[in-house]
Amino acid sequence: MSWFSWNEPYYRSPRREPTEVVTDTLMLELSWQMKEAERLQRERDNEYRRLKSGVDYSWLVSTPRSSFDISQGERLGLEDLCSKVPPSYCGSVIQRFRQVLMENEPELQEVSGLFRSVLLETLERVHEEQEAQRLTHQWNNRRSISLSLMSFKSRVRINPFGSTLGLKSNSYGSEEDGENVKTVCGDAEKGFGQTTEKVQRVWSMPEFRHKGINGKA
């Protein structure tokens, strides 16, 4: 007989959703804590009877079945709250729930109410953290946009009157490319130079006077 059944078909269990896993885990924790609370309550009742009568009859008492269970409507409400808890917060919910039970030592009927309060507290914290992350992301986007605008304005201020018609993509400060750049200041200087040249040319012309027949002006 072979040790391995190679001919048998292999069935892979269906993958469960994270919300379903979280819900089942938290509800199992609630069920276990309710059983533990019932056990502690039974021990307290037996201790009270022993102190009152002076005789210990606990060894004669059989362990009764659970006499309390939450209603179907309350269970569905708790399952709905559990499904809203992110998987990363499942462990913190269990830890917080156990801490609350240790601090309060509740009766069996109070366990489900404390569990609900812990779930609501966790969901509120999750909402606050998500809102803070959203505001931080929004602020970072606005900051990146403002920095882009400031960078664009600084590039414009370098040559405010410059024209980009004569620029080349591979030119960076060369003299040849600098001569091809047309600016308003350059056009003004060029026009001023032409005017000065005309004035100097007029001043350098010889003075001609009309002389009459006798040679007198």
Protein backbone atom coordinates (compact mmCIF):
# COMPACT_ATOMS: atom_id res chain seq x y z
CA MET A 1 0.00 0.00 0.00
CA SER A 2 1.38 3.38 -0.98
CA TRP A 3 1.97 6.04 1.65
CA PHE A 4 0.79 8.79 -0.69
CA SER A 5 -2.54 8.70 -2.45
CA TRP A 6 -1.46 10.36 -5.67
CA ASN A 7 -4.61 9.29 -7.49
CA GLU A 8 -6.94 10.99 -5.03
CA PRO A 9 -8.21 14.42 -6.16
CA TYR A 10 -6.89 17.43 -4.28
CA TYR A 11 -9.51 19.83 -3.01
CA ARG A 12 -8.37 23.30 -2.05
CA SER A 13 -10.44 25.04 0.53
CA PRO A 14 -12.08 28.20 -0.80
CA ARG A 15 -10.32 31.40 0.10
CA ARG A 16 -12.15 33.37 2.75
CA GLU A 17 -12.58 37.11 2.69
CA PRO A 18 -10.62 39.13 5.29
CA THR A 19 -13.83 40.61 6.69
CA GLU A 20 -15.23 37.13 7.23
CA VAL A 21 -12.08 35.99 9.03
CA VAL A 22 -12.12 39.06 11.28
CA THR A 23 -15.81 38.61 12.09
CA ASP A 24 -15.43 34.94 12.99
CA THR A 25 -12.33 35.63 15.10
CA LEU A 26 -13.96 38.40 17.11
CA MET A 27 -17.21 36.50 17.62
CA LEU A 28 -15.27 33.45 18.83
CA GLU A 29 -13.48 35.71 21.31
CA LEU A 30 -16.84 36.99 22.54
CA SER A 31 -18.19 33.45 22.93
CA TRP A 32 -15.12 32.34 24.87
CA GLN A 33 -15.22 35.38 27.15
CA MET A 34 -18.91 34.78 27.86
CA LYS A 35 -18.16 31.20 28.91
CA GLU A 36 -15.31 32.43 31.08
CA ALA A 37 -17.54 35.07 32.66
CA GLU A 38 -20.16 32.41 33.39
CA ARG A 39 -17.55 30.19 35.04
CA LEU A 40 -16.28 33.03 37.21
CA GLN A 41 -19.82 33.97 38.16
CA ARG A 42 -20.54 30.37 39.17
CA GLU A 43 -17.41 30.32 41.33
CA ARG A 44 -18.46 33.54 43.02
CA ASP A 45 -21.92 32.14 43.72
CA ASN A 46 -20.48 28.94 45.20
CA GLU A 47 -18.11 30.92 47.36
CA TYR A 48 -20.99 33.04 48.60
CA ARG A 49 -23.04 29.93 49.52
CA ARG A 50 -20.07 28.38 51.31
CA LEU A 51 -19.49 31.49 53.38
CA LYS A 52 -23.17 31.74 54.19
CA SER A 53 -23.73 28.10 55.22
CA GLY A 54 -20.23 27.17 56.34
CA VAL A 55 -20.32 23.93 54.31
CA ASP A 56 -18.75 23.40 50.89
CA TYR A 57 -21.11 21.58 48.54
CA SER A 58 -19.37 22.61 45.33
CA TRP A 59 -18.10 19.06 44.71
CA LEU A 60 -21.71 17.87 44.55
CA VAL A 61 -22.78 20.46 42.01
CA SER A 62 -22.48 19.39 38.37
CA THR A 63 -21.43 21.92 35.76
CA PRO A 64 -24.63 23.35 34.29
CA ARG A 65 -25.04 24.30 30.70
CA SER A 66 -24.91 27.91 29.66
CA SER A 67 -28.11 29.57 30.81
CA PHE A 68 -27.61 32.84 28.96
CA ASP A 69 -27.09 33.65 25.32
CA ILE A 70 -27.41 36.86 23.34
CA SER A 71 -30.41 37.32 21.07
CA GLN A 72 -30.24 36.78 17.33
CA GLY A 73 -30.73 40.47 16.61
CA GLU A 74 -27.92 41.48 18.95
CA ARG A 75 -25.66 38.84 17.42
CA LEU A 76 -26.30 40.14 13.91
CA GLY A 77 -25.58 43.69 15.05
CA LEU A 78 -22.29 42.64 16.62
CA GLU A 79 -21.32 40.70 13.50
CA ASP A 80 -22.00 43.80 11.39
CA LEU A 81 -19.71 45.88 13.60
CA CYS A 82 -17.03 43.20 13.48
CA SER A 83 -17.11 43.17 9.68
CA LYS A 84 -16.22 46.88 9.66
CA VAL A 85 -13.04 46.38 11.68
CA PRO A 86 -9.90 46.37 9.47
CA PRO A 87 -7.82 43.18 9.74
CA SER A 88 -4.88 45.15 11.14
CA TYR A 89 -7.03 46.20 14.14
CA CYS A 90 -8.35 42.73 15.02
CA GLY A 91 -5.60 42.02 17.55
CA SER A 92 -5.98 45.42 19.22
CA VAL A 93 -9.74 44.84 19.60
CA ILE A 94 -9.16 41.52 21.37
CA GLN A 95 -6.50 43.03 23.61
CA ARG A 96 -8.70 45.99 24.51
CA PHE A 97 -11.71 43.72 25.17
CA ARG A 98 -9.75 41.54 27.57
CA GLN A 99 -8.40 44.60 29.35
CA VAL A 100 -11.92 45.98 29.86
CA LEU A 101 -13.12 42.65 31.25
CA MET A 102 -10.24 42.48 33.71
CA GLU A 103 -10.88 46.03 34.91
CA ASN A 104 -14.66 45.68 35.34
CA GLU A 105 -15.21 41.97 36.20
CA PRO A 106 -18.68 42.12 34.63
CA GLU A 107 -21.61 39.77 35.02
CA LEU A 108 -22.43 37.41 32.20
CA GLN A 109 -25.20 39.65 30.88
CA GLU A 110 -22.83 42.63 30.64
CA VAL A 111 -20.14 41.01 28.47
CA SER A 112 -21.82 41.60 25.12
CA GLY A 113 -22.44 45.26 25.95
CA LEU A 114 -18.77 45.79 26.79
CA PHE A 115 -17.83 44.04 23.57
CA ARG A 116 -20.03 46.43 21.60
CA SER A 117 -18.49 49.46 23.30
CA VAL A 118 -14.99 48.23 22.43
CA LEU A 119 -15.99 47.75 18.79
CA LEU A 120 -17.49 51.24 18.57
CA GLU A 121 -14.41 52.74 20.20
CA THR A 122 -12.13 50.99 17.71
CA LEU A 123 -14.20 52.02 14.69
CA GLU A 124 -14.15 55.63 15.85
CA ARG A 125 -10.36 55.52 16.17
CA VAL A 126 -10.09 54.00 12.69
CA HIS A 127 -12.24 56.79 11.26
CA GLU A 128 -10.12 59.47 12.93
CA GLU A 129 -6.89 57.96 11.63
CA GLN A 130 -8.25 57.65 8.10
CA GLU A 131 -9.43 61.26 8.18
CA ALA A 132 -6.01 62.41 9.39
CA GLN A 133 -4.33 60.47 6.58
CA ARG A 134 -6.69 62.01 4.03
CA LEU A 135 -5.96 65.55 5.24
CA THR A 136 -2.22 64.86 5.22
CA HIS A 137 -2.38 63.52 1.67
CA GLN A 138 -4.43 66.54 0.58
CA TRP A 139 -1.96 68.95 2.20
CA ASN A 140 0.99 67.21 0.51
CA ASN A 141 -0.71 67.53 -2.88
CA ARG A 142 -1.35 71.24 -2.38
CA ARG A 143 2.23 71.75 -1.23
CA SER A 144 3.64 70.01 -4.31
CA ILE A 145 1.43 72.14 -6.57
CA SER A 146 2.52 75.37 -4.86
CA LEU A 147 6.19 74.37 -5.14
CA SER A 148 5.72 73.70 -8.85
CA LEU A 149 4.17 77.14 -9.32
CA MET A 150 7.01 78.80 -7.40
CA SER A 151 9.58 77.00 -9.55
CA PHE A 152 7.79 78.11 -12.72
CA LYS A 153 7.64 81.73 -11.55
CA SER A 154 11.35 81.72 -10.69
CA ARG A 155 12.20 80.53 -14.20
CA VAL A 156 10.09 83.30 -15.70
CA ARG A 157 11.79 85.97 -13.58
CA ILE A 158 15.22 85.08 -14.97
CA ASN A 159 14.39 86.59 -18.39
CA PRO A 160 11.09 88.43 -18.09
CA PHE A 161 11.40 90.25 -21.45
CA GLY A 162 12.97 87.36 -23.31
CA SER A 163 11.50 85.82 -26.39
CA THR A 164 11.73 82.08 -26.93
CA LEU A 165 11.60 82.29 -30.73
CA GLY A 166 15.35 82.13 -31.22
CA LEU A 167 16.17 79.57 -28.50
CA LYS A 168 17.39 76.03 -29.12
CA SER A 169 16.84 73.03 -26.86
CA ASN A 170 20.58 72.21 -26.66
CA SER A 171 21.87 75.73 -25.97
CA TYR A 172 22.84 76.72 -22.45
CA GLY A 173 24.55 80.11 -22.21
CA SER A 174 26.82 79.89 -25.31
CA GLU A 175 27.84 83.14 -26.99
CA GLU A 176 26.52 82.04 -30.37
CA ASP A 177 23.10 81.29 -28.95
CA GLY A 178 23.18 84.47 -26.92
CA GLU A 179 23.47 86.48 -30.11
CA ASN A 180 20.37 84.80 -31.53
CA VAL A 181 18.20 85.75 -28.55
CA LYS A 182 15.97 88.71 -29.33
CA THR A 183 14.91 90.89 -26.43
CA VAL A 184 13.06 94.12 -26.07
CA CYS A 185 16.08 95.71 -24.39
CA GLY A 186 18.30 94.65 -27.27
CA ASP A 187 15.91 96.08 -29.84
CA ALA A 188 15.77 99.34 -27.92
CA GLU A 189 19.58 99.55 -27.73
CA LYS A 190 19.83 98.76 -31.43
CA GLY A 191 17.35 101.50 -32.28
CA PHE A 192 19.15 103.95 -30.03
CA GLY A 193 22.47 103.13 -31.75
CA GLN A 194 20.99 103.75 -35.20
CA THR A 195 19.62 107.12 -34.06
CA THR A 196 23.01 108.11 -32.61
CA GLU A 197 24.75 107.09 -35.82
CA LYS A 198 22.38 109.27 -37.84
CA VAL A 199 22.95 112.25 -35.55
CA GLN A 200 26.73 111.83 -35.73
CA ARG A 201 26.52 111.51 -39.46
CA VAL A 202 24.57 114.80 -39.67
CA TRP A 203 27.04 116.56 -37.41
CA SER A 204 30.04 115.45 -39.47
CA MET A 205 28.73 116.86 -42.77
CA PRO A 206 30.54 120.02 -44.05
CA GLU A 207 28.73 123.31 -43.79
CA PHE A 208 27.64 124.60 -47.19
CA ARG A 209 26.54 128.21 -47.58
CA HIS A 210 25.09 129.85 -50.61
CA LYS A 211 27.39 132.51 -52.04
CA GLY A 212 26.20 135.27 -54.20
CA ILE A 213 27.75 136.73 -57.31
CA ASN A 214 30.17 138.89 -55.35
CA GLY A 215 31.31 135.92 -53.24
CA LYS A 216 29.55 137.11 -50.15
CA ALA A 217 27.29 134.91 -48.18
